[in-house]
Amino acid sequence: MRFWAGIAALVVVFGLVLGPQNAGRAESVQVEAADRAAIVAAIQGQLTAFRAGNGPAAFAHASPTIKQMFGTMENFMAMVQSAYPAVYRARNVEFRDTLTTSGDVVQRVRLVGPDGRAVIAAYQMEKQPDGSWRINGCSLLDDDDKSA
């Protein structure tokens, strides 16, 4: 259990890179329609896999960096279940804008978790050499719009 607490803390620290302290440096960016569609598909595919309990499919949407960080799909799934319940079991999903933060592409998604609380998930996306997009991190921010 101590291991998972350490991993969850690492993920929170990793996720904070995209958090409020960088909000002033975030700017809207025009992402080509095909890239935006691929980004949305990657995130939606992972959310669908989480809901279905399909760890291999969920892990497949993670970037090589995330895969290396967690080592196994089981470690990754355990972390998401414990640290990201709104992502793991989102009741409602609404894709928002795409931003760049320090050169990274970030897709904002409004999620309503199993507890009914809405959050904004800031997904850091990474384009792969083959042109596909993978999730390279996610931080959860409070949603100013409290309507669920």
N, C-alpha and C. Protein backbone atom coordinates (compact mmCIF):
# COMPACT_ATOMS: atom_id res chain seq x y z
N MET A 1 0.82 -1.20 0.00
CA MET A 1 0.00 0.00 0.00
C MET A 1 0.86 1.26 0.00
N ARG A 2 1.99 1.19 0.70
CA ARG A 2 2.90 2.32 0.74
C ARG A 2 3.41 2.66 -0.66
N PHE A 3 3.63 1.62 -1.48
CA PHE A 3 4.07 1.82 -2.85
C PHE A 3 3.07 2.67 -3.61
N TRP A 4 1.76 2.35 -3.49
CA TRP A 4 0.73 3.08 -4.24
C TRP A 4 0.62 4.52 -3.76
N ALA A 5 0.83 4.75 -2.47
CA ALA A 5 0.81 6.13 -1.97
C ALA A 5 1.94 6.92 -2.61
N GLY A 6 3.11 6.30 -2.75
CA GLY A 6 4.24 6.97 -3.39
C GLY A 6 3.98 7.23 -4.86
N ILE A 7 3.40 6.25 -5.53
CA ILE A 7 3.08 6.43 -6.96
C ILE A 7 2.04 7.52 -7.12
N ALA A 8 1.00 7.50 -6.27
CA ALA A 8 -0.04 8.54 -6.36
C ALA A 8 0.57 9.92 -6.13
N ALA A 9 1.48 10.04 -5.17
CA ALA A 9 2.14 11.32 -4.93
C ALA A 9 2.96 11.75 -6.14
N LEU A 10 3.65 10.79 -6.75
CA LEU A 10 4.43 11.10 -7.95
C LEU A 10 3.52 11.58 -9.08
N VAL A 11 2.39 10.94 -9.23
CA VAL A 11 1.46 11.33 -10.28
C VAL A 11 0.90 12.72 -10.00
N VAL A 12 0.59 13.01 -8.76
CA VAL A 12 0.08 14.34 -8.41
C VAL A 12 1.15 15.38 -8.72
N VAL A 13 2.39 15.11 -8.33
CA VAL A 13 3.48 16.04 -8.62
C VAL A 13 3.65 16.17 -10.14
N PHE A 14 3.62 15.05 -10.85
CA PHE A 14 3.74 15.07 -12.32
C PHE A 14 2.59 15.88 -12.92
N GLY A 15 1.40 15.67 -12.41
CA GLY A 15 0.22 16.37 -12.92
C GLY A 15 0.25 17.85 -12.62
N LEU A 16 0.90 18.24 -11.56
CA LEU A 16 0.95 19.65 -11.19
C LEU A 16 1.70 20.49 -12.21
N VAL A 17 2.52 19.86 -13.02
CA VAL A 17 3.23 20.59 -14.07
C VAL A 17 2.23 21.31 -14.96
N LEU A 18 1.06 20.74 -15.12
CA LEU A 18 0.04 21.34 -15.97
C LEU A 18 -0.97 22.17 -15.18
N GLY A 19 -0.76 22.25 -13.88
CA GLY A 19 -1.75 22.85 -13.00
C GLY A 19 -1.82 24.36 -13.05
N PRO A 20 -2.44 24.95 -12.03
CA PRO A 20 -2.73 26.37 -12.02
C PRO A 20 -1.53 27.29 -12.19
N GLN A 21 -0.35 26.88 -11.72
CA GLN A 21 0.80 27.77 -11.84
C GLN A 21 1.18 28.02 -13.29
N ASN A 22 0.77 27.17 -14.21
CA ASN A 22 1.06 27.37 -15.62
C ASN A 22 -0.12 27.95 -16.38
N ALA A 23 -1.21 28.22 -15.70
CA ALA A 23 -2.41 28.68 -16.38
C ALA A 23 -2.17 29.99 -17.12
N GLY A 24 -1.34 30.87 -16.56
CA GLY A 24 -1.06 32.13 -17.21
C GLY A 24 -0.30 31.98 -18.51
N ARG A 25 0.41 30.86 -18.66
CA ARG A 25 1.17 30.61 -19.87
C ARG A 25 0.39 29.78 -20.88
N ALA A 26 -0.81 29.37 -20.53
CA ALA A 26 -1.61 28.57 -21.45
C ALA A 26 -2.26 29.50 -22.47
N GLU A 27 -2.30 29.04 -23.68
CA GLU A 27 -2.93 29.84 -24.74
C GLU A 27 -3.67 28.90 -25.67
N SER A 28 -4.75 29.40 -26.25
CA SER A 28 -5.46 28.60 -27.23
C SER A 28 -4.58 28.43 -28.45
N VAL A 29 -4.69 27.28 -29.05
CA VAL A 29 -3.88 27.00 -30.22
C VAL A 29 -4.77 26.31 -31.24
N GLN A 30 -4.49 26.60 -32.47
CA GLN A 30 -5.21 25.92 -33.54
C GLN A 30 -4.53 24.58 -33.77
N VAL A 31 -5.23 23.53 -33.50
CA VAL A 31 -4.75 22.19 -33.78
C VAL A 31 -5.52 21.72 -35.00
N GLU A 32 -4.82 21.16 -35.95
CA GLU A 32 -5.49 20.69 -37.16
C GLU A 32 -6.63 19.75 -36.78
N ALA A 33 -7.69 19.78 -37.59
CA ALA A 33 -8.89 18.99 -37.31
C ALA A 33 -8.56 17.50 -37.14
N ALA A 34 -7.70 16.98 -37.97
CA ALA A 34 -7.34 15.56 -37.88
C ALA A 34 -6.63 15.25 -36.56
N ASP A 35 -5.72 16.16 -36.14
CA ASP A 35 -5.03 15.96 -34.86
C ASP A 35 -6.01 16.07 -33.70
N ARG A 36 -6.88 17.06 -33.73
CA ARG A 36 -7.86 17.21 -32.65
C ARG A 36 -8.75 15.97 -32.57
N ALA A 37 -9.18 15.46 -33.70
CA ALA A 37 -10.01 14.25 -33.70
C ALA A 37 -9.24 13.06 -33.12
N ALA A 38 -7.96 12.95 -33.44
CA ALA A 38 -7.14 11.86 -32.91
C ALA A 38 -6.91 12.02 -31.40
N ILE A 39 -6.75 13.24 -30.94
CA ILE A 39 -6.57 13.51 -29.51
C ILE A 39 -7.85 13.12 -28.76
N VAL A 40 -8.99 13.57 -29.25
CA VAL A 40 -10.27 13.24 -28.62
C VAL A 40 -10.48 11.73 -28.63
N ALA A 41 -10.16 11.07 -29.74
CA ALA A 41 -10.34 9.62 -29.85
C ALA A 41 -9.46 8.88 -28.84
N ALA A 42 -8.23 9.35 -28.65
CA ALA A 42 -7.33 8.71 -27.69
C ALA A 42 -7.87 8.82 -26.27
N ILE A 43 -8.29 10.01 -25.89
CA ILE A 43 -8.82 10.21 -24.54
C ILE A 43 -10.13 9.45 -24.36
N GLN A 44 -11.03 9.55 -25.35
CA GLN A 44 -12.31 8.83 -25.26
C GLN A 44 -12.07 7.33 -25.21
N GLY A 45 -11.12 6.85 -25.99
CA GLY A 45 -10.80 5.42 -25.97
C GLY A 45 -10.32 4.97 -24.61
N GLN A 46 -9.49 5.79 -23.97
CA GLN A 46 -9.02 5.41 -22.64
C GLN A 46 -10.15 5.44 -21.62
N LEU A 47 -10.99 6.48 -21.68
CA LEU A 47 -12.12 6.57 -20.75
C LEU A 47 -13.07 5.37 -20.93
N THR A 48 -13.32 4.99 -22.17
CA THR A 48 -14.18 3.84 -22.45
C THR A 48 -13.55 2.55 -21.90
N ALA A 49 -12.25 2.42 -22.07
CA ALA A 49 -11.55 1.24 -21.55
C ALA A 49 -11.61 1.20 -20.02
N PHE A 50 -11.45 2.35 -19.36
CA PHE A 50 -11.57 2.39 -17.90
C PHE A 50 -12.95 1.91 -17.46
N ARG A 51 -14.00 2.45 -18.11
CA ARG A 51 -15.37 2.05 -17.74
C ARG A 51 -15.60 0.56 -17.93
N ALA A 52 -14.97 -0.02 -18.94
CA ALA A 52 -15.13 -1.45 -19.23
C ALA A 52 -14.19 -2.32 -18.39
N GLY A 53 -13.30 -1.69 -17.63
CA GLY A 53 -12.33 -2.46 -16.85
C GLY A 53 -11.29 -3.13 -17.73
N ASN A 54 -11.05 -2.56 -18.91
CA ASN A 54 -10.11 -3.13 -19.88
C ASN A 54 -8.75 -2.45 -19.72
N GLY A 55 -7.95 -2.97 -18.80
CA GLY A 55 -6.65 -2.40 -18.51
C GLY A 55 -5.71 -2.34 -19.71
N PRO A 56 -5.59 -3.42 -20.48
CA PRO A 56 -4.68 -3.35 -21.63
C PRO A 56 -5.06 -2.24 -22.61
N ALA A 57 -6.35 -2.07 -22.88
CA ALA A 57 -6.78 -1.02 -23.82
C ALA A 57 -6.52 0.37 -23.23
N ALA A 58 -6.77 0.55 -21.93
CA ALA A 58 -6.52 1.84 -21.29
C ALA A 58 -5.03 2.17 -21.31
N PHE A 59 -4.20 1.20 -21.00
CA PHE A 59 -2.75 1.40 -20.96
C PHE A 59 -2.20 1.68 -22.36
N ALA A 60 -2.83 1.15 -23.39
CA ALA A 60 -2.38 1.36 -24.76
C ALA A 60 -2.44 2.82 -25.17
N HIS A 61 -3.29 3.62 -24.52
CA HIS A 61 -3.41 5.04 -24.85
C HIS A 61 -2.38 5.92 -24.14
N ALA A 62 -1.58 5.30 -23.25
CA ALA A 62 -0.55 6.04 -22.52
C ALA A 62 0.70 6.19 -23.38
N SER A 63 1.40 7.29 -23.17
CA SER A 63 2.65 7.54 -23.89
C SER A 63 3.73 6.57 -23.42
N PRO A 64 4.78 6.42 -24.20
CA PRO A 64 5.90 5.58 -23.76
C PRO A 64 6.48 6.02 -22.41
N THR A 65 6.51 7.32 -22.14
CA THR A 65 7.01 7.82 -20.86
C THR A 65 6.16 7.31 -19.70
N ILE A 66 4.84 7.38 -19.86
CA ILE A 66 3.93 6.91 -18.80
C ILE A 66 4.07 5.40 -18.64
N LYS A 67 4.15 4.68 -19.74
CA LYS A 67 4.30 3.23 -19.66
C LYS A 67 5.59 2.86 -18.93
N GLN A 68 6.66 3.57 -19.21
CA GLN A 68 7.93 3.31 -18.54
C GLN A 68 7.83 3.66 -17.05
N MET A 69 7.15 4.76 -16.73
CA MET A 69 7.02 5.19 -15.35
C MET A 69 6.31 4.14 -14.49
N PHE A 70 5.26 3.53 -15.03
CA PHE A 70 4.48 2.57 -14.26
C PHE A 70 4.91 1.13 -14.48
N GLY A 71 5.58 0.85 -15.56
CA GLY A 71 6.12 -0.48 -15.77
C GLY A 71 5.12 -1.51 -16.25
N THR A 72 4.00 -1.61 -15.57
CA THR A 72 2.99 -2.60 -15.94
C THR A 72 1.62 -1.95 -16.00
N MET A 73 0.77 -2.59 -16.75
CA MET A 73 -0.62 -2.14 -16.85
C MET A 73 -1.29 -2.21 -15.48
N GLU A 74 -0.97 -3.22 -14.71
CA GLU A 74 -1.58 -3.38 -13.38
C GLU A 74 -1.22 -2.21 -12.46
N ASN A 75 0.03 -1.79 -12.48
CA ASN A 75 0.45 -0.63 -11.67
C ASN A 75 -0.29 0.63 -12.11
N PHE A 76 -0.37 0.82 -13.42
CA PHE A 76 -1.06 1.98 -13.97
C PHE A 76 -2.53 1.99 -13.56
N MET A 77 -3.21 0.86 -13.72
CA MET A 77 -4.64 0.78 -13.39
C MET A 77 -4.87 1.02 -11.89
N ALA A 78 -4.02 0.46 -11.06
CA ALA A 78 -4.17 0.66 -9.62
C ALA A 78 -4.03 2.13 -9.25
N MET A 79 -3.09 2.82 -9.88
CA MET A 79 -2.90 4.24 -9.61
C MET A 79 -4.13 5.03 -10.04
N VAL A 80 -4.64 4.78 -11.25
CA VAL A 80 -5.79 5.53 -11.74
C VAL A 80 -7.00 5.29 -10.85
N GLN A 81 -7.23 4.05 -10.46
CA GLN A 81 -8.37 3.73 -9.59
C GLN A 81 -8.30 4.49 -8.27
N SER A 82 -7.10 4.58 -7.71
CA SER A 82 -6.99 5.21 -6.38
C SER A 82 -6.86 6.73 -6.44
N ALA A 83 -6.17 7.27 -7.44
CA ALA A 83 -5.88 8.70 -7.45
C ALA A 83 -6.78 9.51 -8.39
N TYR A 84 -7.45 8.87 -9.33
CA TYR A 84 -8.23 9.57 -10.34
C TYR A 84 -9.63 8.96 -10.52
N PRO A 85 -10.44 8.90 -9.47
CA PRO A 85 -11.77 8.27 -9.62
C PRO A 85 -12.64 8.95 -10.66
N ALA A 86 -12.51 10.26 -10.83
CA ALA A 86 -13.33 10.97 -11.83
C ALA A 86 -12.95 10.54 -13.25
N VAL A 87 -11.70 10.18 -13.45
CA VAL A 87 -11.24 9.70 -14.75
C VAL A 87 -11.63 8.22 -14.91
N TYR A 88 -11.40 7.46 -13.86
CA TYR A 88 -11.64 6.02 -13.92
C TYR A 88 -13.12 5.67 -14.14
N ARG A 89 -13.99 6.44 -13.54
CA ARG A 89 -15.42 6.15 -13.65
C ARG A 89 -16.22 7.41 -13.94
N ALA A 90 -15.83 8.12 -14.98
CA ALA A 90 -16.53 9.36 -15.35
C ALA A 90 -17.99 9.06 -15.70
N ARG A 91 -18.89 9.84 -15.12
CA ARG A 91 -20.32 9.70 -15.44
C ARG A 91 -20.70 10.56 -16.63
N ASN A 92 -19.96 11.65 -16.82
CA ASN A 92 -20.24 12.56 -17.92
C ASN A 92 -18.91 13.11 -18.42
N VAL A 93 -18.79 13.24 -19.75
CA VAL A 93 -17.55 13.69 -20.37
C VAL A 93 -17.90 14.78 -21.37
N GLU A 94 -17.22 15.93 -21.26
CA GLU A 94 -17.43 17.03 -22.19
C GLU A 94 -16.06 17.58 -22.60
N PHE A 95 -15.72 17.43 -23.87
CA PHE A 95 -14.43 17.93 -24.36
C PHE A 95 -14.50 19.44 -24.50
N ARG A 96 -13.47 20.09 -23.99
CA ARG A 96 -13.37 21.55 -24.03
C ARG A 96 -12.29 21.96 -25.03
N ASP A 97 -11.57 23.02 -24.70
CA ASP A 97 -10.59 23.57 -25.63
C ASP A 97 -9.25 22.83 -25.59
N THR A 98 -8.47 23.10 -26.60
CA THR A 98 -7.11 22.59 -26.70
C THR A 98 -6.18 23.77 -26.50
N LEU A 99 -5.19 23.60 -25.61
CA LEU A 99 -4.26 24.68 -25.27
C LEU A 99 -2.83 24.21 -25.49
N THR A 100 -1.92 25.17 -25.50
CA THR A 100 -0.51 24.82 -25.39
C THR A 100 -0.01 25.42 -24.08
N THR A 101 0.76 24.63 -23.36
CA THR A 101 1.39 25.07 -22.13
C THR A 101 2.86 24.71 -22.22
N SER A 102 3.69 25.71 -22.27
CA SER A 102 5.14 25.50 -22.41
C SER A 102 5.45 24.58 -23.59
N GLY A 103 4.71 24.75 -24.67
CA GLY A 103 4.95 23.97 -25.88
C GLY A 103 4.22 22.64 -25.94
N ASP A 104 3.60 22.22 -24.84
CA ASP A 104 2.87 20.95 -24.81
C ASP A 104 1.42 21.17 -25.23
N VAL A 105 0.86 20.20 -25.94
CA VAL A 105 -0.56 20.25 -26.30
C VAL A 105 -1.36 19.67 -25.15
N VAL A 106 -2.33 20.44 -24.69
CA VAL A 106 -3.17 20.05 -23.56
C VAL A 106 -4.62 20.09 -24.00
N GLN A 107 -5.32 18.98 -23.81
CA GLN A 107 -6.75 18.91 -24.09
C GLN A 107 -7.49 18.96 -22.77
N ARG A 108 -8.36 19.95 -22.63
CA ARG A 108 -9.16 20.06 -21.41
C ARG A 108 -10.47 19.31 -21.60
N VAL A 109 -10.83 18.53 -20.57
CA VAL A 109 -12.05 17.72 -20.60
C VAL A 109 -12.76 17.90 -19.26
N ARG A 110 -14.04 18.24 -19.33
CA ARG A 110 -14.84 18.34 -18.11
C ARG A 110 -15.41 16.96 -17.82
N LEU A 111 -15.11 16.46 -16.62
CA LEU A 111 -15.58 15.14 -16.20
C LEU A 111 -16.44 15.28 -14.95
N VAL A 112 -17.50 14.50 -14.89
CA VAL A 112 -18.27 14.38 -13.66
C VAL A 112 -17.98 12.99 -13.13
N GLY A 113 -17.41 12.95 -11.92
CA GLY A 113 -17.01 11.68 -11.33
C GLY A 113 -18.16 10.93 -10.71
N PRO A 114 -17.88 9.76 -10.17
CA PRO A 114 -18.93 8.93 -9.57
C PRO A 114 -19.59 9.59 -8.36
N ASP A 115 -18.92 10.56 -7.75
CA ASP A 115 -19.47 11.28 -6.60
C ASP A 115 -20.32 12.49 -7.03
N GLY A 116 -20.44 12.72 -8.34
CA GLY A 116 -21.21 13.84 -8.85
C GLY A 116 -20.44 15.14 -8.93
N ARG A 117 -19.19 15.13 -8.52
CA ARG A 117 -18.35 16.33 -8.53
C ARG A 117 -17.72 16.51 -9.91
N ALA A 118 -17.80 17.72 -10.44
CA ALA A 118 -17.21 18.02 -11.74
C ALA A 118 -15.80 18.54 -11.58
N VAL A 119 -14.91 18.08 -12.45
CA VAL A 119 -13.53 18.54 -12.48
C VAL A 119 -13.14 18.79 -13.94
N ILE A 120 -12.08 19.54 -14.12
CA ILE A 120 -11.48 19.69 -15.43
C ILE A 120 -10.23 18.84 -15.44
N ALA A 121 -10.18 17.90 -16.37
CA ALA A 121 -8.99 17.08 -16.56
C ALA A 121 -8.17 17.72 -17.68
N ALA A 122 -6.94 18.08 -17.36
CA ALA A 122 -6.03 18.65 -18.36
C ALA A 122 -5.10 17.53 -18.81
N TYR A 123 -5.37 17.01 -20.00
CA TYR A 123 -4.60 15.91 -20.56
C TYR A 123 -3.44 16.46 -21.37
N GLN A 124 -2.22 16.13 -20.96
CA GLN A 124 -1.05 16.48 -21.75
C GLN A 124 -0.91 15.39 -22.81
N MET A 125 -0.89 15.82 -24.05
CA MET A 125 -0.86 14.88 -25.17
C MET A 125 0.52 14.91 -25.84
N GLU A 126 0.91 13.77 -26.37
CA GLU A 126 2.20 13.66 -27.03
C GLU A 126 2.02 12.98 -28.38
N LYS A 127 2.46 13.67 -29.42
CA LYS A 127 2.38 13.09 -30.76
C LYS A 127 3.54 12.12 -30.96
N GLN A 128 3.21 10.92 -31.42
CA GLN A 128 4.20 9.88 -31.61
C GLN A 128 4.82 9.97 -33.01
N PRO A 129 5.98 9.35 -33.20
CA PRO A 129 6.62 9.38 -34.52
C PRO A 129 5.71 8.88 -35.66
N ASP A 130 4.79 7.97 -35.33
CA ASP A 130 3.89 7.46 -36.37
C ASP A 130 2.69 8.37 -36.62
N GLY A 131 2.64 9.51 -35.90
CA GLY A 131 1.55 10.47 -36.08
C GLY A 131 0.39 10.28 -35.12
N SER A 132 0.37 9.20 -34.36
CA SER A 132 -0.70 8.98 -33.39
C SER A 132 -0.47 9.84 -32.15
N TRP A 133 -1.50 10.02 -31.36
CA TRP A 133 -1.42 10.79 -30.12
C TRP A 133 -1.58 9.87 -28.94
N ARG A 134 -0.78 10.09 -27.89
CA ARG A 134 -0.85 9.32 -26.65
C ARG A 134 -0.94 10.30 -25.47
N ILE A 135 -1.51 9.81 -24.39
CA ILE A 135 -1.69 10.61 -23.18
C ILE A 135 -0.39 10.56 -22.38
N ASN A 136 0.16 11.74 -22.09
CA ASN A 136 1.43 11.84 -21.41
C ASN A 136 1.30 12.42 -20.00
N GLY A 137 0.10 12.52 -19.51
CA GLY A 137 -0.14 13.00 -18.16
C GLY A 137 -1.52 13.60 -18.07
N CYS A 138 -2.01 13.71 -16.85
CA CYS A 138 -3.33 14.28 -16.62
C CYS A 138 -3.33 14.92 -15.24
N SER A 139 -3.80 16.14 -15.19
CA SER A 139 -3.98 16.78 -13.89
C SER A 139 -5.43 17.20 -13.77
N LEU A 140 -5.95 17.11 -12.56
CA LEU A 140 -7.33 17.48 -12.31
C LEU A 140 -7.37 18.84 -11.64
N LEU A 141 -8.22 19.70 -12.17
CA LEU A 141 -8.40 21.04 -11.66
C LEU A 141 -9.85 21.22 -11.24
N ASP A 142 -10.09 22.08 -10.28
CA ASP A 142 -11.46 22.38 -9.90
C ASP A 142 -12.20 22.99 -11.08
N ASP A 143 -13.46 22.62 -11.21
CA ASP A 143 -14.30 23.18 -12.27
C ASP A 143 -15.05 24.37 -11.70
N ASP A 144 -14.90 25.51 -12.35
CA ASP A 144 -15.61 26.72 -11.89
C ASP A 144 -17.11 26.61 -12.12
N ASP A 145 -17.52 25.85 -13.13
CA ASP A 145 -18.93 25.63 -13.42
C ASP A 145 -19.40 24.44 -12.61
N LYS A 146 -20.10 24.65 -11.54
CA LYS A 146 -20.48 23.59 -10.62
C LYS A 146 -21.70 22.79 -11.07
N SER A 147 -22.33 23.16 -12.16
CA SER A 147 -23.50 22.41 -12.59
C SER A 147 -23.07 21.06 -13.17
N ALA A 148 -23.67 20.02 -12.71
CA ALA A 148 -23.33 18.68 -13.18
C ALA A 148 -24.50 18.20 -13.97
